[in-house]
PDB file of N, CA and C in Angstrom:
ATOM      1  N   ASP A   1     -73.915 -27.536  32.171  1.00  0.00           N
ATOM      2  CA  ASP A   1     -74.545 -26.261  31.949  1.00  0.00           C
ATOM      3  C   ASP A   1     -73.466 -25.222  31.626  1.00  0.00           C
ATOM      4  N   LEU A   2     -73.759 -24.359  30.698  1.00  0.00           N
ATOM      5  CA  LEU A   2     -72.787 -23.369  30.240  1.00  0.00           C
ATOM      6  C   LEU A   2     -72.414 -22.383  31.341  1.00  0.00           C
ATOM      7  N   ALA A   3     -73.387 -21.934  32.108  1.00  0.00           N
ATOM      8  CA  ALA A   3     -73.115 -20.946  33.153  1.00  0.00           C
ATOM      9  C   ALA A   3     -72.152 -21.506  34.203  1.00  0.00           C
ATOM     10  N   ILE A   4     -72.323 -22.748  34.557  1.00  0.00           N
ATOM     11  CA  ILE A   4     -71.437 -23.369  35.548  1.00  0.00           C
ATOM     12  C   ILE A   4     -70.029 -23.513  34.985  1.00  0.00           C
ATOM     13  N   SER A   5     -69.924 -23.902  33.716  1.00  0.00           N
ATOM     14  CA  SER A   5     -68.610 -24.032  33.095  1.00  0.00           C
ATOM     15  C   SER A   5     -67.894 -22.690  33.016  1.00  0.00           C
ATOM     16  N   VAL A   6     -68.632 -21.636  32.680  1.00  0.00           N
ATOM     17  CA  VAL A   6     -68.041 -20.292  32.623  1.00  0.00           C
ATOM     18  C   VAL A   6     -67.594 -19.869  34.012  1.00  0.00           C
ATOM     19  N   LEU A   7     -68.417 -20.108  35.011  1.00  0.00           N
ATOM     20  CA  LEU A   7     -68.070 -19.749  36.385  1.00  0.00           C
ATOM     21  C   LEU A   7     -66.817 -20.487  36.852  1.00  0.00           C
ATOM     22  N   ILE A   8     -66.749 -21.772  36.576  1.00  0.00           N
ATOM     23  CA  ILE A   8     -65.579 -22.556  36.988  1.00  0.00           C
ATOM     24  C   ILE A   8     -64.326 -22.073  36.275  1.00  0.00           C
ATOM     25  N   ALA A   9     -64.422 -21.794  34.985  1.00  0.00           N
ATOM     26  CA  ALA A   9     -63.261 -21.290  34.238  1.00  0.00           C
ATOM     27  C   ALA A   9     -62.810 -19.952  34.796  1.00  0.00           C
ATOM     28  N   PHE A  10     -63.754 -19.069  35.114  1.00  0.00           N
ATOM     29  CA  PHE A  10     -63.411 -17.767  35.678  1.00  0.00           C
ATOM     30  C   PHE A  10     -62.753 -17.920  37.046  1.00  0.00           C
ATOM     31  N   LEU A  11     -63.332 -18.755  37.904  1.00  0.00           N
ATOM     32  CA  LEU A  11     -62.757 -18.963  39.234  1.00  0.00           C
ATOM     33  C   LEU A  11     -61.373 -19.598  39.147  1.00  0.00           C
ATOM     34  N   TRP A  12     -61.181 -20.489  38.180  1.00  0.00           N
ATOM     35  CA  TRP A  12     -59.867 -21.102  38.002  1.00  0.00           C
ATOM     36  C   TRP A  12     -58.840 -20.048  37.588  1.00  0.00           C
ATOM     37  N   LEU A  13     -59.237 -19.159  36.694  1.00  0.00           N
ATOM     38  CA  LEU A  13     -58.361 -18.079  36.266  1.00  0.00           C
ATOM     39  C   LEU A  13     -57.991 -17.180  37.444  1.00  0.00           C
ATOM     40  N   VAL A  14     -58.980 -16.787  38.219  1.00  0.00           N
ATOM     41  CA  VAL A  14     -58.725 -15.928  39.375  1.00  0.00           C
ATOM     42  C   VAL A  14     -57.818 -16.626  40.383  1.00  0.00           C
ATOM     43  N   SER A  15     -58.105 -17.884  40.681  1.00  0.00           N
ATOM     44  CA  SER A  15     -57.292 -18.598  41.668  1.00  0.00           C
ATOM     45  C   SER A  15     -55.860 -18.812  41.180  1.00  0.00           C
ATOM     46  N   THR A  16     -55.675 -18.990  39.880  1.00  0.00           N
ATOM     47  CA  THR A  16     -54.328 -19.135  39.338  1.00  0.00           C
ATOM     48  C   THR A  16     -53.547 -17.847  39.500  1.00  0.00           C
ATOM     49  N   PHE A  17     -54.198 -16.702  39.224  1.00  0.00           N
ATOM     50  CA  PHE A  17     -53.510 -15.422  39.403  1.00  0.00           C
ATOM     51  C   PHE A  17     -53.224 -15.136  40.870  1.00  0.00           C
ATOM     52  N   VAL A  18     -54.142 -15.530  41.753  1.00  0.00           N
ATOM     53  CA  VAL A  18     -53.911 -15.343  43.190  1.00  0.00           C
ATOM     54  C   VAL A  18     -52.734 -16.204  43.637  1.00  0.00           C
ATOM     55  N   TRP A  19     -52.653 -17.437  43.174  1.00  0.00           N
ATOM     56  CA  TRP A  19     -51.536 -18.312  43.526  1.00  0.00           C
ATOM     57  C   TRP A  19     -50.220 -17.766  42.975  1.00  0.00           C
ATOM     58  N   ALA A  20     -50.244 -17.235  41.755  1.00  0.00           N
ATOM     59  CA  ALA A  20     -49.029 -16.652  41.176  1.00  0.00           C
ATOM     60  C   ALA A  20     -48.564 -15.452  42.003  1.00  0.00           C
ATOM     61  N   LYS A  21     -49.499 -14.615  42.453  1.00  0.00           N
ATOM     62  CA  LYS A  21     -49.143 -13.466  43.300  1.00  0.00           C
ATOM     63  C   LYS A  21     -48.594 -13.942  44.636  1.00  0.00           C
ATOM     64  N   ALA A  22     -49.218 -14.956  45.228  1.00  0.00           N
ATOM     65  CA  ALA A  22     -48.731 -15.502  46.501  1.00  0.00           C
ATOM     66  C   ALA A  22     -47.334 -16.086  46.343  1.00  0.00           C
ATOM     67  N   LEU A  23     -47.086 -16.747  45.233  1.00  0.00           N
ATOM     68  CA  LEU A  23     -45.761 -17.309  44.977  1.00  0.00           C
ATOM     69  C   LEU A  23     -44.727 -16.192  44.848  1.00  0.00           C
ATOM     70  N   ALA A  24     -45.082 -15.114  44.173  1.00  0.00           N
ATOM     71  CA  ALA A  24     -44.164 -13.978  44.068  1.00  0.00           C
ATOM     72  C   ALA A  24     -43.876 -13.390  45.452  1.00  0.00           C
ATOM     73  N   ASP A  25     -44.902 -13.301  46.298  1.00  0.00           N
ATOM     74  CA  ASP A  25     -44.709 -12.807  47.661  1.00  0.00           C
ATOM     75  C   ASP A  25     -43.823 -13.739  48.478  1.00  0.00           C
ATOM     76  N   ILE A  26     -43.986 -15.044  48.296  1.00  0.00           N
ATOM     77  CA  ILE A  26     -43.143 -16.015  48.995  1.00  0.00           C
ATOM     78  C   ILE A  26     -41.690 -15.836  48.583  1.00  0.00           C
ATOM     79  N   LYS A  27     -41.459 -15.634  47.300  1.00  0.00           N
ATOM     80  CA  LYS A  27     -40.089 -15.454  46.814  1.00  0.00           C
ATOM     81  C   LYS A  27     -39.460 -14.198  47.396  1.00  0.00           C
ATOM     82  N   VAL A  28     -40.233 -13.116  47.487  1.00  0.00           N
ATOM     83  CA  VAL A  28     -39.713 -11.876  48.069  1.00  0.00           C
ATOM     84  C   VAL A  28     -39.449 -12.068  49.557  1.00  0.00           C
ATOM     85  N   SER A  29     -40.362 -12.740  50.252  1.00  0.00           N
ATOM     86  CA  SER A  29     -40.250 -12.923  51.696  1.00  0.00           C
ATOM     87  C   SER A  29     -39.123 -13.859  52.101  1.00  0.00           C
ATOM     88  N   THR A  30     -38.677 -14.695  51.200  1.00  0.00           N
ATOM     89  CA  THR A  30     -37.607 -15.637  51.539  1.00  0.00           C
ATOM     90  C   THR A  30     -36.317 -15.326  50.795  1.00  0.00           C
ATOM     91  N   GLY A  31     -36.253 -14.179  50.144  1.00  0.00           N
ATOM     92  CA  GLY A  31     -35.068 -13.810  49.374  1.00  0.00           C
ATOM     93  C   GLY A  31     -34.057 -13.024  50.195  1.00  0.00           C
ATOM     94  N   ALA A  32     -33.005 -12.615  49.536  1.00  0.00           N
ATOM     95  CA  ALA A  32     -31.906 -11.902  50.195  1.00  0.00           C
ATOM     96  C   ALA A  32     -32.326 -10.541  50.727  1.00  0.00           C
ATOM     97  N   SER A  33     -33.420  -9.992  50.243  1.00  0.00           N
ATOM     98  CA  SER A  33     -33.849  -8.664  50.680  1.00  0.00           C
ATOM     99  C   SER A  33     -34.324  -8.632  52.127  1.00  0.00           C
ATOM    100  N   ILE A  34     -34.523  -9.794  52.756  1.00  0.00           N
ATOM    101  CA  ILE A  34     -34.997  -9.806  54.145  1.00  0.00           C
ATOM    102  C   ILE A  34     -33.869  -9.624  55.147  1.00  0.00           C
ATOM    103  N   VAL A  35     -32.625  -9.837  54.730  1.00  0.00           N
ATOM    104  CA  VAL A  35     -31.495  -9.779  55.669  1.00  0.00           C
ATOM    105  C   VAL A  35     -31.378  -8.422  56.358  1.00  0.00           C
ATOM    106  N   PRO A  36     -31.475  -7.289  55.651  1.00  0.00           N
ATOM    107  CA  PRO A  36     -31.346  -6.003  56.347  1.00  0.00           C
ATOM    108  C   PRO A  36     -32.444  -5.745  57.373  1.00  0.00           C
ATOM    109  N   GLY A  37     -33.572  -6.409  57.269  1.00  0.00           N
ATOM    110  CA  GLY A  37     -34.666  -6.197  58.202  1.00  0.00           C
ATOM    111  C   GLY A  37     -34.598  -7.033  59.463  1.00  0.00           C
ATOM    112  N   ILE A  38     -33.673  -7.957  59.556  1.00  0.00           N
ATOM    113  CA  ILE A  38     -33.563  -8.827  60.724  1.00  0.00           C
ATOM    114  C   ILE A  38     -32.870  -8.057  61.840  1.00  0.00           C
ATOM    115  N   GLU A  39     -33.539  -7.978  62.989  1.00  0.00           N
ATOM    116  CA  GLU A  39     -33.022  -7.174  64.107  1.00  0.00           C
ATOM    117  C   GLU A  39     -31.644  -7.621  64.575  1.00  0.00           C
ATOM    118  N   SER A  40     -31.421  -8.930  64.672  1.00  0.00           N
ATOM    119  CA  SER A  40     -30.129  -9.406  65.166  1.00  0.00           C
ATOM    120  C   SER A  40     -28.999  -9.096  64.197  1.00  0.00           C
ATOM    121  N   CYS A  41     -29.303  -8.855  62.939  1.00  0.00           N
ATOM    122  CA  CYS A  41     -28.277  -8.501  61.955  1.00  0.00           C
ATOM    123  C   CYS A  41     -27.887  -7.028  62.050  1.00  0.00           C
ATOM    124  N   LYS A  42     -28.707  -6.235  62.748  1.00  0.00           N
ATOM    125  CA  LYS A  42     -28.427  -4.807  62.893  1.00  0.00           C
ATOM    126  C   LYS A  42     -27.501  -4.507  64.064  1.00  0.00           C
ATOM    127  N   ALA A  43     -27.223  -5.515  64.898  1.00  0.00           N
ATOM    128  CA  ALA A  43     -26.378  -5.304  66.076  1.00  0.00           C
ATOM    129  C   ALA A  43     -24.956  -4.934  65.650  1.00  0.00           C
ATOM    130  N   PRO A  44     -24.310  -4.039  66.393  1.00  0.00           N
ATOM    131  CA  PRO A  44     -22.936  -3.645  66.060  1.00  0.00           C
ATOM    132  C   PRO A  44     -21.990  -4.846  66.076  1.00  0.00           C
ATOM    133  N   GLY A  45     -21.136  -4.923  65.081  1.00  0.00           N
ATOM    134  CA  GLY A  45     -20.168  -6.003  64.995  1.00  0.00           C
ATOM    135  C   GLY A  45     -20.723  -7.299  64.439  1.00  0.00           C
ATOM    136  N   THR A  46     -21.965  -7.285  64.023  1.00  0.00           N
ATOM    137  CA  THR A  46     -22.595  -8.486  63.488  1.00  0.00           C
ATOM    138  C   THR A  46     -22.670  -8.384  61.971  1.00  0.00           C
ATOM    139  N   THR A  47     -22.327  -9.474  61.305  1.00  0.00           N
ATOM    140  CA  THR A  47     -22.426  -9.533  59.853  1.00  0.00           C
ATOM    141  C   THR A  47     -23.319 -10.718  59.478  1.00  0.00           C
ATOM    142  N   CYS A  48     -24.317 -10.462  58.666  1.00  0.00           N
ATOM    143  CA  CYS A  48     -25.217 -11.522  58.213  1.00  0.00           C
ATOM    144  C   CYS A  48     -25.051 -11.693  56.707  1.00  0.00           C
ATOM    145  N   HIS A  49     -25.018 -12.940  56.279  1.00  0.00           N
ATOM    146  CA  HIS A  49     -24.889 -13.253  54.859  1.00  0.00           C
ATOM    147  C   HIS A  49     -26.047 -14.149  54.440  1.00  0.00           C
ATOM    148  N   PHE A  50     -26.564 -13.877  53.273  1.00  0.00           N
ATOM    149  CA  PHE A  50     -27.627 -14.705  52.709  1.00  0.00           C
ATOM    150  C   PHE A  50     -26.958 -15.758  51.838  1.00  0.00           C
ATOM    151  N   LEU A  51     -27.156 -17.021  52.175  1.00  0.00           N
ATOM    152  CA  LEU A  51     -26.518 -18.083  51.403  1.00  0.00           C
ATOM    153  C   LEU A  51     -27.363 -18.523  50.222  1.00  0.00           C
ATOM    154  N   SER A  52     -28.524 -19.053  50.482  1.00  0.00           N
ATOM    155  CA  SER A  52     -29.374 -19.525  49.396  1.00  0.00           C
ATOM    156  C   SER A  52     -30.765 -19.827  49.925  1.00  0.00           C
ATOM    157  N   VAL A  53     -31.645 -20.080  49.008  1.00  0.00           N
ATOM    158  CA  VAL A  53     -32.996 -20.519  49.337  1.00  0.00           C
ATOM    159  C   VAL A  53     -33.291 -21.736  48.463  1.00  0.00           C
ATOM    160  N   THR A  54     -34.127 -22.598  48.956  1.00  0.00           N
ATOM    161  CA  THR A  54     -34.479 -23.802  48.210  1.00  0.00           C
ATOM    162  C   THR A  54     -35.092 -23.422  46.860  1.00  0.00           C
ATOM    163  N   SER A  55     -34.795 -24.196  45.860  1.00  0.00           N
ATOM    164  CA  SER A  55     -35.324 -23.946  44.525  1.00  0.00           C
ATOM    165  C   SER A  55     -36.847 -23.996  44.533  1.00  0.00           C
ATOM    166  N   MET A  56     -37.448 -23.055  43.845  1.00  0.00           N
ATOM    167  CA  MET A  56     -38.905 -22.997  43.780  1.00  0.00           C
ATOM    168  C   MET A  56     -39.410 -23.327  42.381  1.00  0.00           C
ATOM    169  N   GLY A  57     -38.623 -24.100  41.644  1.00  0.00           N
ATOM    170  CA  GLY A  57     -39.003 -24.464  40.287  1.00  0.00           C
ATOM    171  C   GLY A  57     -40.317 -25.213  40.221  1.00  0.00           C
ATOM    172  N   ILE A  58     -40.554 -26.101  41.165  1.00  0.00           N
ATOM    173  CA  ILE A  58     -41.796 -26.876  41.172  1.00  0.00           C
ATOM    174  C   ILE A  58     -42.990 -25.948  41.392  1.00  0.00           C
ATOM    175  N   LEU A  59     -42.810 -24.927  42.220  1.00  0.00           N
ATOM    176  CA  LEU A  59     -43.901 -23.977  42.435  1.00  0.00           C
ATOM    177  C   LEU A  59     -44.183 -23.173  41.166  1.00  0.00           C
ATOM    178  N   ASN A  60     -43.131 -22.812  40.443  1.00  0.00           N
ATOM    179  CA  ASN A  60     -43.324 -22.123  39.161  1.00  0.00           C
ATOM    180  C   ASN A  60     -44.097 -23.006  38.189  1.00  0.00           C
ATOM    181  N   VAL A  61     -43.770 -24.290  38.179  1.00  0.00           N
ATOM    182  CA  VAL A  61     -44.462 -25.242  37.304  1.00  0.00           C
ATOM    183  C   VAL A  61     -45.939 -25.325  37.686  1.00  0.00           C
ATOM    184  N   SER A  62     -46.234 -25.239  38.980  1.00  0.00           N
ATOM    185  CA  SER A  62     -47.638 -25.309  39.403  1.00  0.00           C
ATOM    186  C   SER A  62     -48.436 -24.129  38.863  1.00  0.00           C
ATOM    187  N   VAL A  63     -47.830 -22.958  38.784  1.00  0.00           N
ATOM    188  CA  VAL A  63     -48.515 -21.799  38.216  1.00  0.00           C
ATOM    189  C   VAL A  63     -48.753 -22.013  36.720  1.00  0.00           C
ATOM    190  N   VAL A  64     -47.749 -22.521  36.027  1.00  0.00           N
ATOM    191  CA  VAL A  64     -47.888 -22.772  34.589  1.00  0.00           C
ATOM    192  C   VAL A  64     -48.985 -23.792  34.330  1.00  0.00           C
ATOM    193  N   PHE A  65     -49.010 -24.877  35.111  1.00  0.00           N
ATOM    194  CA  PHE A  65     -50.059 -25.879  34.928  1.00  0.00           C
ATOM    195  C   PHE A  65     -51.435 -25.314  35.269  1.00  0.00           C
ATOM    196  N   GLY A  66     -51.501 -24.416  36.244  1.00  0.00           N
ATOM    197  CA  GLY A  66     -52.773 -23.765  36.547  1.00  0.00           C
ATOM    198  C   GLY A  66     -53.283 -22.963  35.364  1.00  0.00           C
ATOM    199  N   LEU A  67     -52.379 -22.227  34.703  1.00  0.00           N
ATOM    200  CA  LEU A  67     -52.784 -21.459  33.517  1.00  0.00           C
ATOM    201  C   LEU A  67     -53.183 -22.378  32.368  1.00  0.00           C
ATOM    202  N   LEU A  68     -52.432 -23.462  32.186  1.00  0.00           N
ATOM    203  CA  LEU A  68     -52.790 -24.413  31.128  1.00  0.00           C
ATOM    204  C   LEU A  68     -54.151 -25.048  31.400  1.00  0.00           C
ATOM    205  N   ASN A  69     -54.410 -25.356  32.651  1.00  0.00           N
ATOM    206  CA  ASN A  69     -55.700 -25.940  33.012  1.00  0.00           C
ATOM    207  C   ASN A  69     -56.829 -24.948  32.757  1.00  0.00           C
ATOM    208  N   MET A  70     -56.574 -23.665  33.029  1.00  0.00           N
ATOM    209  CA  MET A  70     -57.578 -22.641  32.755  1.00  0.00           C
ATOM    210  C   MET A  70     -57.857 -22.560  31.256  1.00  0.00           C
ATOM    211  N   ILE A  71     -56.820 -22.686  30.433  1.00  0.00           N
ATOM    212  CA  ILE A  71     -57.009 -22.678  28.982  1.00  0.00           C
ATOM    213  C   ILE A  71     -57.874 -23.864  28.556  1.00  0.00           C
ATOM    214  N   LEU A  72     -57.649 -25.029  29.176  1.00  0.00           N
ATOM    215  CA  LEU A  72     -58.497 -26.188  28.877  1.00  0.00           C
ATOM    216  C   LEU A  72     -59.949 -25.938  29.266  1.00  0.00           C
ATOM    217  N   TRP A  73     -60.156 -25.299  30.426  1.00  0.00           N
ATOM    218  CA  TRP A  73     -61.514 -24.969  30.841  1.00  0.00           C
ATOM    219  C   TRP A  73     -62.150 -23.996  29.856  1.00  0.00           C
ATOM    220  N   ALA A  74     -61.382 -22.998  29.398  1.00  0.00           N
ATOM    221  CA  ALA A  74     -61.928 -22.044  28.430  1.00  0.00           C
ATOM    222  C   ALA A  74     -62.312 -22.766  27.136  1.00  0.00           C
ATOM    223  N   GLY A  75     -61.483 -23.713  26.701  1.00  0.00           N
ATOM    224  CA  GLY A  75     -61.828 -24.517  25.528  1.00  0.00           C
ATOM    225  C   GLY A  75     -63.085 -25.328  25.758  1.00  0.00           C
ATOM    226  N   ASN A  76     -63.226 -25.856  26.949  1.00  0.00           N
ATOM    227  CA  ASN A  76     -64.427 -26.610  27.310  1.00  0.00           C
ATOM    228  C   ASN A  76     -65.657 -25.716  27.239  1.00  0.00           C
ATOM    229  N   VAL A  77     -65.549 -24.505  27.756  1.00  0.00           N
ATOM    230  CA  VAL A  77     -66.671 -23.569  27.709  1.00  0.00           C
ATOM    231  C   VAL A  77     -67.024 -23.263  26.259  1.00  0.00           C
ATOM    232  N   TRP A  78     -66.007 -23.056  25.433  1.00  0.00           N
ATOM    233  CA  TRP A  78     -66.258 -22.758  24.024  1.00  0.00           C
ATOM    234  C   TRP A  78     -66.983 -23.930  23.339  1.00  0.00           C
ATOM    235  N   LEU A  79     -66.535 -25.148  23.601  1.00  0.00           N
ATOM    236  CA  LEU A  79     -67.176 -26.312  22.983  1.00  0.00           C
ATOM    237  C   LEU A  79     -68.609 -26.493  23.473  1.00  0.00           C
ATOM    238  N   VAL A  80     -68.838 -26.265  24.762  1.00  0.00           N
ATOM    239  CA  VAL A  80     -70.207 -26.362  25.277  1.00  0.00           C
ATOM    240  C   VAL A  80     -71.084 -25.308  24.616  1.00  0.00           C
ATOM    241  N   TYR A  81     -70.550 -24.119  24.477  1.00  0.00           N
ATOM    242  CA  TYR A  81     -71.299 -23.042  23.832  1.00  0.00           C
ATOM    243  C   TYR A  81     -71.621 -23.380  22.370  1.00  0.00           C
ATOM    244  N   LYS A  82     -70.617 -23.885  21.663  1.00  0.00           N
ATOM    245  CA  LYS A  82     -70.814 -24.197  20.241  1.00  0.00           C
ATOM    246  C   LYS A  82     -71.797 -25.356  20.033  1.00  0.00           C
ATOM    247  N   ASN A  83     -71.899 -26.270  20.984  1.00  0.00           N
ATOM    248  CA  ASN A  83     -72.732 -27.451  20.820  1.00  0.00           C
ATOM    249  C   ASN A  83     -74.096 -27.329  21.476  1.00  0.00           C
ATOM    250  N   THR A  84     -74.460 -26.140  21.903  1.00  0.00           N
ATOM    251  CA  THR A  84     -75.789 -25.941  22.483  1.00  0.00           C
ATOM    252  C   THR A  84     -76.581 -25.019  21.578  1.00  0.00           C
ATOM    253  N   ASN A  85     -77.838 -24.833  21.926  1.00  0.00           N
ATOM    254  CA  ASN A  85     -78.681 -23.959  21.130  1.00  0.00           C
ATOM    255  C   ASN A  85     -78.409 -22.474  21.392  1.00  0.00           C
ATOM    256  N   LEU A  86     -77.451 -22.152  22.266  1.00  0.00           N
ATOM    257  CA  LEU A  86     -77.079 -20.752  22.513  1.00  0.00           C
ATOM    258  C   LEU A  86     -76.340 -20.157  21.321  1.00  0.00           C
ATOM    259  N   HIS A  87     -75.709 -21.022  20.548  1.00  0.00           N
ATOM    260  CA  HIS A  87     -74.962 -20.578  19.375  1.00  0.00           C
ATOM    261  C   HIS A  87     -75.865 -20.675  18.161  1.00  0.00           C
ATOM    262  N   SER A  88     -76.002 -19.581  17.431  1.00  0.00           N
ATOM    263  CA  SER A  88     -76.895 -19.644  16.265  1.00  0.00           C
ATOM    264  C   SER A  88     -76.135 -19.568  14.964  1.00  0.00           C
TER     265      SER A  88
END
């Protein structure tokens, strides 16, 4: 049914953007900017250094694949629309 396909494509788009925003928040929360906010690093005579964080390349790829999958769903919706009597 066309309505279900449109709904699924829309929900996929929304969920992909939500995941991309969550991934951006994860990167900020685990980046070097958190060091000044750590209470134990504020103690006199204490020096804190940020070394590194695990690579998040696979997570970036998951966002890209989510967008590609949404494009496939949009193509599916278009084909369903073109092959039904809704298109004149």
